[in-house]
Amino acid sequence: PTIQDLINNYYASNNNQNPQLIIDARFSKDAEVVFNSNGTITYSVWHYSGGNKIWDISPTTVSISTLNGLIYVKGDVRTKGRVNGQLSMIATKEIYITDDLLYADSNTNGTLASGTTNSLGLISSDDVIVSNTTANQTNCRINGALLALGTSFSVENYSSGSPRGTLTIWGSLSQHTRGPVGTFSSSTGNK
């Protein structure tokens, strides 16, 4: 499918209502969506000018239940947190996972709770990327359905630095082309 196919499906399912949250992160802006375990998200948009961070949208918290099932991001978005609710996030560029992204009722290893009603779909028009952040240096756990329409799901700087632990996805992964997530050394058994 294309992003437009997904948006058309959203409109058809929601009586032609616009998404409740559209985040514009185009034109050299950065966006972040943090999932909070209490059923809210905190989102923000910023850009840099003269080395200073300028807020286009200062951190704003809203309830997932008010979003009508969708966050639509025009541009790239960074995300992390504990999801408590049902939501899909579509981005017209890359989605960067900057830390664990787990359901609120999953355990710390990401194992899904029996009978969970939480669900998350991440849909990128380009790629879904596990960022090379401090938080992701020792394991990264993801709950949800990941769809990379452009090329792939991958790990940023996968072939450099020290071993970063285990990448675990409890959910599904669909991509156009298999992306690199790590390397393997026959002499040490890891990388």
N, C-alpha and C. Protein backbone atom coordinates (compact mmCIF):
# COMPACT_ATOMS: atom_id res chain seq x y z
N PRO A 1 0.83 -1.20 0.00
CA PRO A 1 0.00 0.00 0.00
C PRO A 1 0.87 1.25 0.00
N THR A 2 0.25 2.35 -0.31
CA THR A 2 0.93 3.65 -0.21
C THR A 2 0.39 4.36 1.04
N ILE A 3 1.06 5.43 1.42
CA ILE A 3 0.57 6.23 2.55
C ILE A 3 -0.83 6.75 2.22
N GLN A 4 -1.06 7.15 0.98
CA GLN A 4 -2.38 7.64 0.61
C GLN A 4 -3.44 6.56 0.75
N ASP A 5 -3.10 5.30 0.40
CA ASP A 5 -4.04 4.19 0.59
C ASP A 5 -4.41 4.06 2.06
N LEU A 6 -3.42 4.18 2.94
CA LEU A 6 -3.68 4.05 4.37
C LEU A 6 -4.53 5.20 4.89
N ILE A 7 -4.25 6.41 4.44
CA ILE A 7 -5.07 7.56 4.84
C ILE A 7 -6.49 7.41 4.33
N ASN A 8 -6.65 6.96 3.07
CA ASN A 8 -7.99 6.75 2.52
C ASN A 8 -8.75 5.71 3.34
N ASN A 9 -8.07 4.65 3.76
CA ASN A 9 -8.69 3.63 4.59
C ASN A 9 -9.12 4.22 5.93
N TYR A 10 -8.27 5.08 6.49
CA TYR A 10 -8.62 5.74 7.76
C TYR A 10 -9.90 6.56 7.57
N TYR A 11 -9.96 7.38 6.50
CA TYR A 11 -11.15 8.20 6.25
C TYR A 11 -12.39 7.34 6.09
N ALA A 12 -12.26 6.24 5.35
CA ALA A 12 -13.41 5.35 5.13
C ALA A 12 -13.89 4.74 6.45
N SER A 13 -12.98 4.43 7.34
CA SER A 13 -13.33 3.82 8.62
C SER A 13 -13.84 4.83 9.64
N ASN A 14 -13.59 6.11 9.40
CA ASN A 14 -13.94 7.15 10.38
C ASN A 14 -14.85 8.21 9.79
N ASN A 15 -15.74 7.79 8.91
CA ASN A 15 -16.75 8.70 8.34
C ASN A 15 -16.15 9.99 7.79
N ASN A 16 -15.03 9.85 7.08
CA ASN A 16 -14.34 10.97 6.43
C ASN A 16 -13.89 12.07 7.39
N GLN A 17 -13.69 11.73 8.65
CA GLN A 17 -13.16 12.71 9.61
C GLN A 17 -11.64 12.78 9.47
N ASN A 18 -11.09 13.97 9.58
CA ASN A 18 -9.64 14.13 9.56
C ASN A 18 -9.02 13.51 10.80
N PRO A 19 -7.75 13.04 10.70
CA PRO A 19 -7.07 12.59 11.91
C PRO A 19 -7.08 13.69 12.96
N GLN A 20 -7.22 13.31 14.21
CA GLN A 20 -7.28 14.28 15.31
C GLN A 20 -5.94 14.95 15.57
N LEU A 21 -4.84 14.26 15.22
CA LEU A 21 -3.51 14.85 15.46
C LEU A 21 -2.67 14.72 14.20
N ILE A 22 -2.38 15.86 13.59
CA ILE A 22 -1.48 15.95 12.45
C ILE A 22 -0.29 16.79 12.90
N ILE A 23 0.90 16.20 12.84
CA ILE A 23 2.13 16.88 13.27
C ILE A 23 2.94 17.22 12.03
N ASP A 24 3.24 18.51 11.85
CA ASP A 24 4.01 18.95 10.69
C ASP A 24 5.48 19.12 11.10
N ALA A 25 6.31 18.18 10.64
CA ALA A 25 7.74 18.22 10.95
C ALA A 25 8.57 18.32 9.67
N ARG A 26 8.03 18.98 8.68
CA ARG A 26 8.76 19.16 7.42
C ARG A 26 9.68 20.37 7.53
N PHE A 27 10.49 20.55 6.50
CA PHE A 27 11.33 21.74 6.36
C PHE A 27 12.33 21.87 7.51
N SER A 28 13.16 20.85 7.70
CA SER A 28 14.25 20.84 8.68
C SER A 28 13.77 20.90 10.13
N LYS A 29 12.58 20.42 10.38
CA LYS A 29 12.08 20.34 11.76
C LYS A 29 12.23 18.92 12.27
N ASP A 30 12.26 18.78 13.58
CA ASP A 30 12.32 17.48 14.25
C ASP A 30 11.06 17.30 15.07
N ALA A 31 10.56 16.05 15.12
CA ALA A 31 9.37 15.74 15.92
C ALA A 31 9.63 14.54 16.80
N GLU A 32 8.95 14.51 17.95
CA GLU A 32 9.04 13.37 18.85
C GLU A 32 7.66 13.07 19.40
N VAL A 33 7.34 11.76 19.49
CA VAL A 33 6.13 11.29 20.14
C VAL A 33 6.56 10.29 21.20
N VAL A 34 6.28 10.62 22.47
CA VAL A 34 6.61 9.75 23.60
C VAL A 34 5.31 9.16 24.14
N PHE A 35 5.27 7.84 24.22
CA PHE A 35 4.10 7.16 24.77
C PHE A 35 4.26 7.05 26.28
N ASN A 36 3.22 7.44 27.01
CA ASN A 36 3.22 7.40 28.47
C ASN A 36 2.32 6.27 28.95
N SER A 37 2.74 5.57 29.99
CA SER A 37 2.01 4.38 30.46
C SER A 37 0.61 4.69 30.99
N ASN A 38 0.28 5.97 31.18
CA ASN A 38 -1.05 6.33 31.69
C ASN A 38 -2.07 6.54 30.57
N GLY A 39 -1.72 6.16 29.32
CA GLY A 39 -2.68 6.29 28.21
C GLY A 39 -2.61 7.61 27.49
N THR A 40 -1.51 8.34 27.65
CA THR A 40 -1.33 9.60 26.95
C THR A 40 -0.08 9.53 26.08
N ILE A 41 0.06 10.52 25.22
CA ILE A 41 1.31 10.74 24.50
C ILE A 41 1.75 12.17 24.77
N THR A 42 3.04 12.39 24.67
CA THR A 42 3.59 13.74 24.72
C THR A 42 4.33 13.96 23.40
N TYR A 43 3.91 14.98 22.65
CA TYR A 43 4.53 15.23 21.35
C TYR A 43 5.11 16.64 21.32
N SER A 44 6.11 16.81 20.46
CA SER A 44 6.75 18.12 20.31
C SER A 44 7.40 18.22 18.94
N VAL A 45 7.63 19.45 18.50
CA VAL A 45 8.30 19.74 17.23
C VAL A 45 9.26 20.90 17.48
N TRP A 46 10.47 20.82 16.91
CA TRP A 46 11.45 21.88 17.10
C TRP A 46 12.36 21.98 15.89
N HIS A 47 13.09 23.07 15.82
CA HIS A 47 14.13 23.24 14.82
C HIS A 47 15.29 23.98 15.49
N TYR A 48 16.40 24.04 14.80
CA TYR A 48 17.56 24.75 15.35
C TYR A 48 17.83 26.00 14.53
N SER A 49 18.16 27.07 15.22
CA SER A 49 18.51 28.32 14.58
C SER A 49 19.70 28.90 15.33
N GLY A 50 20.79 29.08 14.64
CA GLY A 50 22.00 29.62 15.27
C GLY A 50 22.49 28.76 16.43
N GLY A 51 22.29 27.45 16.33
CA GLY A 51 22.70 26.54 17.38
C GLY A 51 21.73 26.45 18.55
N ASN A 52 20.64 27.18 18.50
CA ASN A 52 19.63 27.16 19.57
C ASN A 52 18.42 26.35 19.16
N LYS A 53 17.88 25.59 20.12
CA LYS A 53 16.68 24.81 19.88
C LYS A 53 15.46 25.71 20.03
N ILE A 54 14.67 25.79 18.97
CA ILE A 54 13.47 26.63 18.94
C ILE A 54 12.25 25.71 18.86
N TRP A 55 11.34 25.84 19.82
CA TRP A 55 10.15 25.01 19.83
C TRP A 55 9.12 25.53 18.84
N ASP A 56 8.72 24.68 17.90
CA ASP A 56 7.58 24.98 17.03
C ASP A 56 6.30 24.53 17.72
N ILE A 57 6.36 23.40 18.40
CA ILE A 57 5.30 22.92 19.29
C ILE A 57 6.00 22.45 20.56
N SER A 58 5.83 23.17 21.65
CA SER A 58 6.45 22.75 22.91
C SER A 58 5.79 21.46 23.37
N PRO A 59 6.46 20.66 24.23
CA PRO A 59 5.90 19.38 24.64
C PRO A 59 4.44 19.50 25.10
N THR A 60 3.57 18.75 24.43
CA THR A 60 2.13 18.79 24.66
C THR A 60 1.63 17.38 24.91
N THR A 61 0.83 17.20 25.94
CA THR A 61 0.33 15.87 26.30
C THR A 61 -1.16 15.77 25.98
N VAL A 62 -1.54 14.67 25.29
CA VAL A 62 -2.94 14.40 24.98
C VAL A 62 -3.23 12.92 25.24
N SER A 63 -4.50 12.61 25.47
CA SER A 63 -4.93 11.24 25.71
C SER A 63 -5.04 10.48 24.39
N ILE A 64 -4.54 9.26 24.36
CA ILE A 64 -4.66 8.42 23.17
C ILE A 64 -6.13 8.23 22.79
N SER A 65 -6.99 8.16 23.78
CA SER A 65 -8.41 7.92 23.51
C SER A 65 -9.07 9.04 22.71
N THR A 66 -8.46 10.23 22.66
CA THR A 66 -9.03 11.35 21.91
C THR A 66 -8.52 11.44 20.48
N LEU A 67 -7.61 10.54 20.09
CA LEU A 67 -6.93 10.67 18.80
C LEU A 67 -7.60 9.91 17.66
N ASN A 68 -8.68 9.22 17.92
CA ASN A 68 -9.42 8.52 16.88
C ASN A 68 -8.55 7.50 16.15
N GLY A 69 -7.55 6.93 16.86
CA GLY A 69 -6.77 5.82 16.33
C GLY A 69 -5.57 6.14 15.50
N LEU A 70 -5.26 7.44 15.25
CA LEU A 70 -4.18 7.75 14.32
C LEU A 70 -3.44 9.02 14.69
N ILE A 71 -2.11 8.96 14.56
CA ILE A 71 -1.26 10.15 14.54
C ILE A 71 -0.65 10.20 13.15
N TYR A 72 -0.77 11.34 12.49
CA TYR A 72 -0.22 11.51 11.14
C TYR A 72 0.90 12.53 11.22
N VAL A 73 2.13 12.08 10.90
CA VAL A 73 3.30 12.95 10.96
C VAL A 73 3.78 13.25 9.55
N LYS A 74 3.84 14.54 9.22
CA LYS A 74 4.41 14.96 7.95
C LYS A 74 5.89 15.21 8.20
N GLY A 75 6.74 14.26 7.78
CA GLY A 75 8.17 14.33 8.03
C GLY A 75 8.63 13.15 8.87
N ASP A 76 9.84 13.30 9.47
CA ASP A 76 10.42 12.28 10.35
C ASP A 76 9.83 12.41 11.74
N VAL A 77 9.92 11.31 12.51
CA VAL A 77 9.49 11.35 13.90
C VAL A 77 10.34 10.39 14.73
N ARG A 78 10.65 10.80 15.95
CA ARG A 78 11.33 9.94 16.92
C ARG A 78 10.28 9.47 17.91
N THR A 79 10.43 8.21 18.39
CA THR A 79 9.43 7.70 19.32
C THR A 79 10.03 6.72 20.31
N LYS A 80 9.35 6.58 21.45
CA LYS A 80 9.75 5.67 22.52
C LYS A 80 8.62 5.64 23.54
N GLY A 81 8.73 4.77 24.54
CA GLY A 81 7.81 4.82 25.67
C GLY A 81 7.01 3.57 25.90
N ARG A 82 5.94 3.72 26.70
CA ARG A 82 5.05 2.63 27.12
C ARG A 82 3.64 2.94 26.62
N VAL A 83 3.16 2.13 25.69
CA VAL A 83 1.87 2.35 25.01
C VAL A 83 0.74 1.76 25.84
N ASN A 84 -0.25 2.61 26.16
CA ASN A 84 -1.45 2.16 26.87
C ASN A 84 -2.65 2.62 26.04
N GLY A 85 -3.07 1.78 25.09
CA GLY A 85 -4.18 2.12 24.21
C GLY A 85 -3.96 1.50 22.84
N GLN A 86 -4.79 1.90 21.90
CA GLN A 86 -4.70 1.40 20.53
C GLN A 86 -4.47 2.59 19.60
N LEU A 87 -3.40 2.50 18.80
CA LEU A 87 -3.04 3.64 17.98
C LEU A 87 -2.13 3.20 16.83
N SER A 88 -2.26 3.89 15.70
CA SER A 88 -1.30 3.77 14.59
C SER A 88 -0.66 5.13 14.39
N MET A 89 0.62 5.11 14.01
CA MET A 89 1.32 6.34 13.69
C MET A 89 1.90 6.19 12.29
N ILE A 90 1.51 7.12 11.41
CA ILE A 90 1.99 7.14 10.04
C ILE A 90 2.94 8.33 9.90
N ALA A 91 4.09 8.09 9.27
CA ALA A 91 5.04 9.18 9.00
C ALA A 91 5.37 9.19 7.51
N THR A 92 5.44 10.39 6.93
CA THR A 92 5.77 10.51 5.51
C THR A 92 7.26 10.36 5.25
N LYS A 93 8.06 10.33 6.29
CA LYS A 93 9.50 10.07 6.19
C LYS A 93 9.85 8.95 7.16
N GLU A 94 11.04 9.00 7.77
CA GLU A 94 11.49 7.93 8.66
C GLU A 94 10.84 7.99 10.04
N ILE A 95 10.74 6.80 10.65
CA ILE A 95 10.38 6.68 12.07
C ILE A 95 11.62 6.15 12.78
N TYR A 96 12.09 6.90 13.78
CA TYR A 96 13.26 6.51 14.57
C TYR A 96 12.80 6.05 15.95
N ILE A 97 13.18 4.83 16.32
CA ILE A 97 12.88 4.31 17.66
C ILE A 97 14.10 4.60 18.52
N THR A 98 13.95 5.50 19.50
CA THR A 98 15.09 6.01 20.26
C THR A 98 15.31 5.31 21.60
N ASP A 99 14.38 4.46 22.02
CA ASP A 99 14.47 3.70 23.27
C ASP A 99 13.41 2.60 23.18
N ASP A 100 13.32 1.76 24.20
CA ASP A 100 12.31 0.72 24.19
C ASP A 100 10.93 1.32 23.89
N LEU A 101 10.13 0.56 23.16
CA LEU A 101 8.77 0.97 22.81
C LEU A 101 7.88 -0.23 23.12
N LEU A 102 7.30 -0.21 24.32
CA LEU A 102 6.60 -1.38 24.85
C LEU A 102 5.17 -1.05 25.25
N TYR A 103 4.32 -2.07 25.25
CA TYR A 103 2.98 -1.90 25.80
C TYR A 103 3.08 -1.75 27.30
N ALA A 104 2.19 -0.96 27.87
CA ALA A 104 2.24 -0.66 29.30
C ALA A 104 2.13 -1.91 30.16
N ASP A 105 1.43 -2.95 29.66
CA ASP A 105 1.27 -4.17 30.46
C ASP A 105 2.27 -5.26 30.09
N SER A 106 3.25 -4.98 29.24
CA SER A 106 4.31 -5.93 28.95
C SER A 106 5.32 -5.91 30.08
N ASN A 107 6.06 -7.02 30.24
CA ASN A 107 7.11 -6.99 31.26
C ASN A 107 8.33 -6.26 30.69
N THR A 108 9.36 -6.08 31.49
CA THR A 108 10.51 -5.28 31.07
C THR A 108 11.27 -5.91 29.91
N ASN A 109 11.09 -7.22 29.68
CA ASN A 109 11.71 -7.86 28.52
C ASN A 109 10.88 -7.70 27.26
N GLY A 110 9.68 -7.13 27.39
CA GLY A 110 8.81 -6.91 26.24
C GLY A 110 7.81 -8.02 26.01
N THR A 111 7.84 -9.06 26.85
CA THR A 111 6.88 -10.14 26.69
C THR A 111 5.46 -9.61 26.89
N LEU A 112 4.59 -9.91 25.94
CA LEU A 112 3.23 -9.40 25.98
C LEU A 112 2.42 -10.04 27.10
N ALA A 113 1.60 -9.24 27.74
CA ALA A 113 0.69 -9.74 28.76
C ALA A 113 -0.42 -10.53 28.09
N SER A 114 -0.83 -11.61 28.70
CA SER A 114 -1.92 -12.41 28.17
C SER A 114 -3.19 -11.56 28.09
N GLY A 115 -3.82 -11.55 26.92
CA GLY A 115 -5.06 -10.81 26.76
C GLY A 115 -4.90 -9.30 26.64
N THR A 116 -3.71 -8.82 26.36
CA THR A 116 -3.51 -7.37 26.25
C THR A 116 -4.45 -6.77 25.20
N THR A 117 -4.93 -5.59 25.45
CA THR A 117 -5.74 -4.87 24.47
C THR A 117 -4.94 -3.72 23.84
N ASN A 118 -3.71 -3.55 24.27
CA ASN A 118 -2.87 -2.50 23.71
C ASN A 118 -2.41 -2.92 22.32
N SER A 119 -2.30 -1.94 21.43
CA SER A 119 -1.78 -2.21 20.09
C SER A 119 -1.16 -0.94 19.52
N LEU A 120 -0.11 -1.13 18.74
CA LEU A 120 0.58 -0.01 18.10
C LEU A 120 1.00 -0.42 16.70
N GLY A 121 0.69 0.43 15.74
CA GLY A 121 1.18 0.26 14.38
C GLY A 121 2.07 1.44 14.04
N LEU A 122 3.28 1.16 13.56
CA LEU A 122 4.19 2.20 13.07
C LEU A 122 4.36 2.01 11.58
N ILE A 123 3.98 3.02 10.81
CA ILE A 123 3.99 2.92 9.36
C ILE A 123 4.79 4.09 8.80
N SER A 124 5.89 3.76 8.13
CA SER A 124 6.76 4.78 7.56
C SER A 124 6.71 4.73 6.05
N SER A 125 6.60 5.89 5.44
CA SER A 125 6.67 5.96 3.99
C SER A 125 8.09 5.66 3.51
N ASP A 126 9.07 5.82 4.40
CA ASP A 126 10.47 5.49 4.08
C ASP A 126 10.90 4.28 4.92
N ASP A 127 11.67 4.52 5.98
CA ASP A 127 12.24 3.44 6.78
C ASP A 127 11.84 3.55 8.24
N VAL A 128 11.90 2.42 8.96
CA VAL A 128 11.80 2.39 10.41
C VAL A 128 13.19 2.03 10.91
N ILE A 129 13.75 2.90 11.78
CA ILE A 129 15.15 2.78 12.17
C ILE A 129 15.27 2.76 13.69
N VAL A 130 16.03 1.78 14.21
CA VAL A 130 16.38 1.78 15.63
C VAL A 130 17.60 2.70 15.76
N SER A 131 17.41 3.81 16.46
CA SER A 131 18.46 4.84 16.55
C SER A 131 19.64 4.37 17.39
N ASN A 132 20.80 4.90 17.06
CA ASN A 132 22.02 4.64 17.83
C ASN A 132 22.07 5.65 18.97
N THR A 133 21.27 5.41 20.00
CA THR A 133 21.20 6.28 21.16
C THR A 133 21.80 5.58 22.38
N THR A 134 22.07 6.34 23.41
CA THR A 134 22.58 5.74 24.65
C THR A 134 21.62 4.69 25.18
N ALA A 135 20.33 4.97 25.14
CA ALA A 135 19.33 4.02 25.65
C ALA A 135 19.35 2.71 24.86
N ASN A 136 19.67 2.74 23.58
CA ASN A 136 19.68 1.54 22.76
C ASN A 136 21.03 0.84 22.72
N GLN A 137 21.98 1.27 23.54
CA GLN A 137 23.29 0.63 23.57
C GLN A 137 23.27 -0.73 24.26
N THR A 138 22.28 -0.96 25.11
CA THR A 138 22.16 -2.26 25.79
C THR A 138 20.74 -2.77 25.60
N ASN A 139 20.50 -3.44 24.49
CA ASN A 139 19.22 -4.04 24.13
C ASN A 139 18.21 -2.98 23.69
N CYS A 140 17.30 -3.41 22.85
CA CYS A 140 16.16 -2.60 22.44
C CYS A 140 14.99 -3.55 22.26
N ARG A 141 13.87 -3.20 22.88
CA ARG A 141 12.67 -4.04 22.85
C ARG A 141 11.52 -3.24 22.25
N ILE A 142 10.78 -3.89 21.34
CA ILE A 142 9.71 -3.20 20.63
C ILE A 142 8.47 -4.09 20.62
N ASN A 143 7.32 -3.51 20.99
CA ASN A 143 6.02 -4.17 20.83
C ASN A 143 5.28 -3.42 19.73
N GLY A 144 4.69 -4.14 18.80
CA GLY A 144 3.88 -3.48 17.79
C GLY A 144 4.06 -4.07 16.41
N ALA A 145 3.32 -3.51 15.48
CA ALA A 145 3.39 -3.89 14.07
C ALA A 145 4.14 -2.79 13.33
N LEU A 146 5.25 -3.16 12.68
CA LEU A 146 6.12 -2.21 12.00
C LEU A 146 6.01 -2.41 10.50
N LEU A 147 5.80 -1.32 9.77
CA LEU A 147 5.69 -1.39 8.32
C LEU A 147 6.55 -0.30 7.70
N ALA A 148 7.57 -0.72 6.93
CA ALA A 148 8.45 0.22 6.23
C ALA A 148 8.12 0.14 4.74
N LEU A 149 7.39 1.15 4.23
CA LEU A 149 6.94 1.14 2.85
C LEU A 149 8.04 1.53 1.87
N GLY A 150 9.01 2.33 2.33
CA GLY A 150 10.05 2.81 1.43
C GLY A 150 11.08 1.74 1.14
N THR A 151 11.81 1.35 2.17
CA THR A 151 12.84 0.34 1.97
C THR A 151 12.81 -0.69 3.07
N SER A 152 13.21 -0.30 4.33
CA SER A 152 13.45 -1.36 5.30
C SER A 152 13.37 -0.91 6.74
N PHE A 153 13.44 -1.90 7.61
CA PHE A 153 13.65 -1.75 9.04
C PHE A 153 15.13 -2.01 9.26
N SER A 154 15.81 -1.12 10.00
CA SER A 154 17.25 -1.30 10.19
C SER A 154 17.70 -0.70 11.52
N VAL A 155 18.96 -0.94 11.85
CA VAL A 155 19.58 -0.37 13.03
C VAL A 155 20.64 0.63 12.57
N GLU A 156 20.57 1.85 13.10
CA GLU A 156 21.51 2.90 12.74
C GLU A 156 22.92 2.52 13.19
N ASN A 157 23.89 2.71 12.31
CA ASN A 157 25.30 2.40 12.59
C ASN A 157 25.48 0.96 13.08
N TYR A 158 24.75 0.03 12.47
CA TYR A 158 24.74 -1.37 12.89
C TYR A 158 26.11 -2.03 12.85
N SER A 159 27.02 -1.54 12.02
CA SER A 159 28.31 -2.23 11.83
C SER A 159 29.46 -1.56 12.56
N SER A 160 29.18 -0.60 13.45
CA SER A 160 30.27 0.07 14.16
C SER A 160 30.02 0.08 15.66
N GLY A 161 31.09 0.24 16.41
CA GLY A 161 30.97 0.31 17.86
C GLY A 161 30.96 -1.04 18.53
N SER A 162 30.75 -1.02 19.84
CA SER A 162 30.72 -2.24 20.64
C SER A 162 29.38 -2.96 20.46
N PRO A 163 29.32 -4.25 20.80
CA PRO A 163 28.04 -4.96 20.75
C PRO A 163 26.99 -4.23 21.58
N ARG A 164 25.76 -4.19 21.07
CA ARG A 164 24.69 -3.43 21.72
C ARG A 164 23.60 -4.30 22.30
N GLY A 165 23.84 -5.58 22.45
CA GLY A 165 22.83 -6.43 23.07
C GLY A 165 21.88 -7.01 22.05
N THR A 166 20.65 -7.24 22.48
CA THR A 166 19.66 -7.95 21.68
C THR A 166 18.54 -7.01 21.24
N LEU A 167 18.15 -7.15 19.99
CA LEU A 167 16.99 -6.44 19.46
C LEU A 167 15.84 -7.44 19.46
N THR A 168 14.75 -7.11 20.17
CA THR A 168 13.60 -8.01 20.28
C THR A 168 12.34 -7.29 19.81
N ILE A 169 11.61 -7.92 18.91
CA ILE A 169 10.34 -7.38 18.43
C ILE A 169 9.25 -8.39 18.77
N TRP A 170 8.29 -7.95 19.57
CA TRP A 170 7.10 -8.75 19.85
C TRP A 170 5.99 -8.12 19.03
N GLY A 171 5.71 -8.69 17.87
CA GLY A 171 4.71 -8.13 16.99
C GLY A 171 4.97 -8.60 15.58
N SER A 172 4.96 -7.67 14.64
CA SER A 172 5.20 -8.03 13.24
C SER A 172 6.10 -6.99 12.58
N LEU A 173 6.74 -7.42 11.50
CA LEU A 173 7.64 -6.55 10.75
C LEU A 173 7.43 -6.81 9.27
N SER A 174 7.11 -5.77 8.53
CA SER A 174 6.98 -5.86 7.08
C SER A 174 7.85 -4.77 6.46
N GLN A 175 8.62 -5.16 5.45
CA GLN A 175 9.53 -4.22 4.81
C GLN A 175 9.70 -4.60 3.36
N HIS A 176 10.05 -3.63 2.53
CA HIS A 176 10.25 -3.88 1.11
C HIS A 176 11.51 -4.72 0.89
N THR A 177 12.60 -4.33 1.56
CA THR A 177 13.87 -5.02 1.45
C THR A 177 14.42 -5.23 2.85
N ARG A 178 14.96 -6.41 3.14
CA ARG A 178 15.50 -6.67 4.46
C ARG A 178 16.64 -5.69 4.75
N GLY A 179 16.53 -4.98 5.86
CA GLY A 179 17.54 -4.02 6.25
C GLY A 179 18.53 -4.62 7.24
N PRO A 180 19.73 -4.07 7.31
CA PRO A 180 20.73 -4.59 8.25
C PRO A 180 20.42 -4.17 9.69
N VAL A 181 20.57 -5.12 10.61
CA VAL A 181 20.37 -4.83 12.03
C VAL A 181 21.59 -5.17 12.87
N GLY A 182 22.60 -5.80 12.29
CA GLY A 182 23.80 -6.12 13.04
C GLY A 182 24.76 -6.91 12.18
N THR A 183 25.90 -7.20 12.76
CA THR A 183 26.90 -8.03 12.09
C THR A 183 27.26 -9.16 13.02
N PHE A 184 27.94 -10.15 12.48
CA PHE A 184 28.34 -11.30 13.26
C PHE A 184 29.80 -11.58 13.01
N SER A 185 30.55 -11.82 14.07
CA SER A 185 31.97 -12.15 13.98
C SER A 185 32.15 -13.63 14.28
N SER A 186 32.75 -14.36 13.34
CA SER A 186 32.97 -15.79 13.56
C SER A 186 34.01 -16.03 14.64
N SER A 187 34.90 -15.07 14.89
CA SER A 187 35.93 -15.27 15.91
C SER A 187 35.42 -14.99 17.32
N THR A 188 34.53 -14.02 17.49
CA THR A 188 34.03 -13.71 18.83
C THR A 188 32.60 -14.17 19.04
N GLY A 189 31.89 -14.45 17.97
CA GLY A 189 30.50 -14.89 18.10
C GLY A 189 29.50 -13.76 18.24
N ASN A 190 29.96 -12.51 18.21
CA ASN A 190 29.00 -11.41 18.32
C ASN A 190 29.53 -10.17 17.64
N LYS A 191 28.69 -9.17 17.57
CA LYS A 191 29.06 -7.81 17.13
C LYS A 191 27.96 -6.86 17.41
